[in-house]
C-alpha atoms as a PDB file:
ATOM      1  CA  MET A   1     -72.851 -62.406 117.864  1.00  0.00           C
ATOM      2  CA  SER A   2     -70.866 -62.987 120.656  1.00  0.00           C
ATOM      3  CA  ALA A   3     -67.160 -63.494 121.361  1.00  0.00           C
ATOM      4  CA  THR A   4     -67.414 -67.264 121.672  1.00  0.00           C
ATOM      5  CA  ASP A   5     -69.336 -67.547 118.714  1.00  0.00           C
ATOM      6  CA  ASN A   6     -66.585 -65.502 116.937  1.00  0.00           C
ATOM      7  CA  VAL A   7     -64.132 -67.635 117.938  1.00  0.00           C
ATOM      8  CA  LYS A   8     -66.005 -70.878 117.420  1.00  0.00           C
ATOM      9  CA  ILE A   9     -66.349 -69.700 113.879  1.00  0.00           C
ATOM     10  CA  ALA A  10     -62.877 -68.530 113.398  1.00  0.00           C
ATOM     11  CA  ALA A  11     -61.924 -72.590 114.661  1.00  0.00           C
ATOM     12  CA  ALA A  12     -64.209 -73.859 112.106  1.00  0.00           C
ATOM     13  CA  VAL A  13     -62.340 -71.697 109.670  1.00  0.00           C
ATOM     14  CA  LEU A  14     -59.135 -72.601 110.815  1.00  0.00           C
ATOM     15  CA  VAL A  15     -59.861 -76.504 110.822  1.00  0.00           C
ATOM     16  CA  ILE A  16     -61.102 -76.408 106.796  1.00  0.00           C
ATOM     17  CA  ALA A  17     -57.554 -74.477 106.168  1.00  0.00           C
ATOM     18  CA  ALA A  18     -55.833 -76.758 107.736  1.00  0.00           C
ATOM     19  CA  SER A  19     -56.889 -80.054 106.359  1.00  0.00           C
ATOM     20  CA  ILE A  20     -56.737 -78.114 103.143  1.00  0.00           C
ATOM     21  CA  GLY A  21     -53.289 -77.667 103.696  1.00  0.00           C
ATOM     22  CA  ALA A  22     -52.904 -81.303 105.234  1.00  0.00           C
ATOM     23  CA  TYR A  23     -54.474 -82.449 101.825  1.00  0.00           C
ATOM     24  CA  TYR A  24     -51.390 -80.969 100.268  1.00  0.00           C
ATOM     25  CA  TYR A  25     -48.804 -81.121 102.710  1.00  0.00           C
ATOM     26  CA  LEU A  26     -49.358 -85.110 102.640  1.00  0.00           C
ATOM     27  CA  ALA A  27     -49.483 -85.438  99.070  1.00  0.00           C
ATOM     28  CA  ASP A  28     -47.379 -88.711  99.545  1.00  0.00           C
ATOM     29  CA  LEU A  29     -50.207 -90.119 101.141  1.00  0.00           C
ATOM     30  CA  ILE A  30     -52.926 -92.695  99.582  1.00  0.00           C
ATOM     31  CA  GLN A  31     -55.925 -89.994  98.296  1.00  0.00           C
ATOM     32  CA  ILE A  32     -58.902 -91.752 100.113  1.00  0.00           C
ATOM     33  CA  GLY A  33     -56.665 -90.991 103.337  1.00  0.00           C
ATOM     34  CA  ARG A  34     -56.178 -87.028 102.324  1.00  0.00           C
ATOM     35  CA  VAL A  35     -60.147 -87.255 100.947  1.00  0.00           C
ATOM     36  CA  SER A  36     -60.955 -88.405 104.406  1.00  0.00           C
ATOM     37  CA  ILE A  37     -58.938 -85.949 106.385  1.00  0.00           C
ATOM     38  CA  VAL A  38     -60.480 -83.322 104.651  1.00  0.00           C
ATOM     39  CA  VAL A  39     -63.898 -84.754 105.096  1.00  0.00           C
ATOM     40  CA  MET A  40     -63.711 -84.842 108.761  1.00  0.00           C
ATOM     41  CA  ALA A  41     -62.715 -81.684 109.113  1.00  0.00           C
ATOM     42  CA  SER A  42     -65.439 -80.521 107.345  1.00  0.00           C
ATOM     43  CA  VAL A  43     -67.752 -82.357 110.019  1.00  0.00           C
ATOM     44  CA  ILE A  44     -65.757 -80.751 112.613  1.00  0.00           C
ATOM     45  CA  ALA A  45     -66.471 -77.537 111.445  1.00  0.00           C
ATOM     46  CA  VAL A  46     -70.030 -77.302 110.615  1.00  0.00           C
ATOM     47  CA  GLY A  47     -70.033 -79.219 114.205  1.00  0.00           C
ATOM     48  CA  LEU A  48     -68.507 -76.012 115.676  1.00  0.00           C
ATOM     49  CA  ALA A  49     -70.794 -73.942 113.277  1.00  0.00           C
ATOM     50  CA  LEU A  50     -73.606 -75.303 114.308  1.00  0.00           C
ATOM     51  CA  THR A  51     -73.059 -74.498 118.447  1.00  0.00           C
ATOM     52  CA  THR A  52     -73.202 -70.453 117.462  1.00  0.00           C
ATOM     53  CA  GLU A  53     -76.246 -68.550 117.366  1.00  0.00           C
ATOM     54  CA  VAL A  54     -76.117 -68.066 113.233  1.00  0.00           C
ATOM     55  CA  GLY A  55     -75.812 -71.698 113.127  1.00  0.00           C
ATOM     56  CA  GLN A  56     -78.535 -72.459 115.619  1.00  0.00           C
ATOM     57  CA  SER A  57     -80.447 -69.807 113.650  1.00  0.00           C
ATOM     58  CA  ALA A  58     -79.317 -71.560 110.052  1.00  0.00           C
ATOM     59  CA  TRP A  59     -80.491 -75.045 111.573  1.00  0.00           C
ATOM     60  CA  SER A  60     -83.640 -73.970 112.676  1.00  0.00           C
ATOM     61  CA  PHE A  61     -84.452 -71.923 108.845  1.00  0.00           C
ATOM     62  CA  MET A  62     -83.258 -75.216 107.249  1.00  0.00           C
ATOM     63  CA  LYS A  63     -85.735 -77.634 109.507  1.00  0.00           C
ATOM     64  CA  GLU A  64     -88.514 -75.143 108.790  1.00  0.00           C
ATOM     65  CA  ALA A  65     -87.997 -75.338 104.738  1.00  0.00           C
ATOM     66  CA  ASN A  66     -88.280 -78.835 104.865  1.00  0.00           C
ATOM     67  CA  VAL A  67     -91.475 -78.568 106.391  1.00  0.00           C
ATOM     68  CA  GLU A  68     -92.404 -76.145 104.174  1.00  0.00           C
ATOM     69  CA  ARG A  69     -90.747 -78.799 100.924  1.00  0.00           C
ATOM     70  CA  GLN A  70     -92.845 -81.469 102.536  1.00  0.00           C
ATOM     71  CA  LYS A  71     -96.127 -79.323 102.114  1.00  0.00           C
ATOM     72  CA  VAL A  72     -95.522 -78.658  98.150  1.00  0.00           C
ATOM     73  CA  VAL A  73     -98.833 -80.590  96.013  1.00  0.00           C
ATOM     74  CA  TRP A  74     -96.937 -82.521  93.230  1.00  0.00           C
ATOM     75  CA  PRO A  75     -98.942 -82.659  90.051  1.00  0.00           C
ATOM     76  CA  GLY A  76    -100.412 -86.048  89.132  1.00  0.00           C
ATOM     77  CA  ARG A  77     -99.324 -87.945  85.961  1.00  0.00           C
ATOM     78  CA  GLN A  78    -102.195 -86.676  83.887  1.00  0.00           C
ATOM     79  CA  GLU A  79    -101.561 -83.381  84.847  1.00  0.00           C
ATOM     80  CA  ALA A  80     -98.169 -83.083  84.398  1.00  0.00           C
ATOM     81  CA  LEU A  81     -98.873 -84.745  81.079  1.00  0.00           C
ATOM     82  CA  GLN A  82    -101.327 -82.007  79.780  1.00  0.00           C
ATOM     83  CA  VAL A  83     -99.185 -79.081  81.140  1.00  0.00           C
ATOM     84  CA  THR A  84     -96.451 -80.978  78.714  1.00  0.00           C
ATOM     85  CA  LEU A  85     -98.424 -81.053  75.649  1.00  0.00           C
ATOM     86  CA  MET A  86     -99.881 -77.355  76.189  1.00  0.00           C
ATOM     87  CA  VAL A  87     -96.487 -76.055  76.541  1.00  0.00           C
ATOM     88  CA  LEU A  88     -95.085 -78.209  73.295  1.00  0.00           C
ATOM     89  CA  ILE A  89     -97.967 -76.744  71.417  1.00  0.00           C
ATOM     90  CA  LEU A  90     -97.738 -73.016  72.234  1.00  0.00           C
ATOM     91  CA  VAL A  91     -93.690 -73.519  71.345  1.00  0.00           C
ATOM     92  CA  ILE A  92     -94.734 -74.673  68.393  1.00  0.00           C
ATOM     93  CA  ILE A  93     -97.407 -72.142  67.495  1.00  0.00           C
ATOM     94  CA  LEU A  94     -95.129 -69.447  68.780  1.00  0.00           C
ATOM     95  CA  GLY A  95     -92.473 -71.178  66.706  1.00  0.00           C
ATOM     96  CA  LEU A  96     -94.398 -70.750  63.447  1.00  0.00           C
ATOM     97  CA  MET A  97     -95.289 -67.197  64.297  1.00  0.00           C
ATOM     98  CA  MET A  98     -91.468 -66.270  64.820  1.00  0.00           C
ATOM     99  CA  TRP A  99     -90.983 -68.378  60.969  1.00  0.00           C
ATOM    100  CA  LEU A 100     -94.127 -66.447  59.481  1.00  0.00           C
ATOM    101  CA  PHE A 101     -92.858 -63.148  60.710  1.00  0.00           C
ATOM    102  CA  ASP A 102     -89.390 -64.060  59.749  1.00  0.00           C
ATOM    103  CA  ALA A 103     -90.349 -64.979  56.489  1.00  0.00           C
ATOM    104  CA  LEU A 104     -92.530 -61.616  55.449  1.00  0.00           C
ATOM    105  CA  SER A 105     -89.951 -59.360  56.490  1.00  0.00           C
ATOM    106  CA  PHE A 106     -87.618 -61.261  54.845  1.00  0.00           C
ATOM    107  CA  TRP A 107     -89.766 -61.046  51.506  1.00  0.00           C
ATOM    108  CA  ALA A 108     -90.875 -56.912  52.279  1.00  0.00           C
ATOM    109  CA  ILE A 109     -86.794 -55.925  52.665  1.00  0.00           C
ATOM    110  CA  TYR A 110     -85.585 -57.790  49.577  1.00  0.00           C
ATOM    111  CA  ASP A 111     -87.967 -57.987  47.350  1.00  0.00           C
ATOM    112  CA  LEU A 112     -90.473 -55.006  47.925  1.00  0.00           C
ATOM    113  CA  ILE A 113     -87.887 -52.461  48.925  1.00  0.00           C
ATOM    114  CA  LEU A 114     -84.369 -53.666  47.746  1.00  0.00           C
ATOM    115  CA  LYS A 115     -85.989 -55.079  45.029  1.00  0.00           C
ATOM    116  CA  VAL A 116     -82.952 -58.046  45.012  1.00  0.00           C
ATOM    117  CA  GLY A 117     -85.126 -60.830  44.632  1.00  0.00           C
ATOM    118  CA  SER A 118     -86.683 -60.303  41.388  1.00  0.00           C
END
């Protein structure tokens, strides 16, 4: 990263810090005005950061990620319903199996080993 990029990043951080300071310093100002100061400072800081080499590479990465997101094929209604039903059936079966294992282990421990149940 070049020295210019370091200065731009430092300036962006200072802009954000100054806006947060102004938010608390201007407590008498209406809330929307204080929030607007922070939002505008954030836009300026992001604009500064995007002019750096790291910012450009981050922006490029976000654009490429959006292209990949658009390639995703989402399931149709029928497929989503089938998968949901399969998951529900599997959860019910596993729940019943765990309940059966719990009941059998309870019976084995308390009735067979400890002889407390009878």
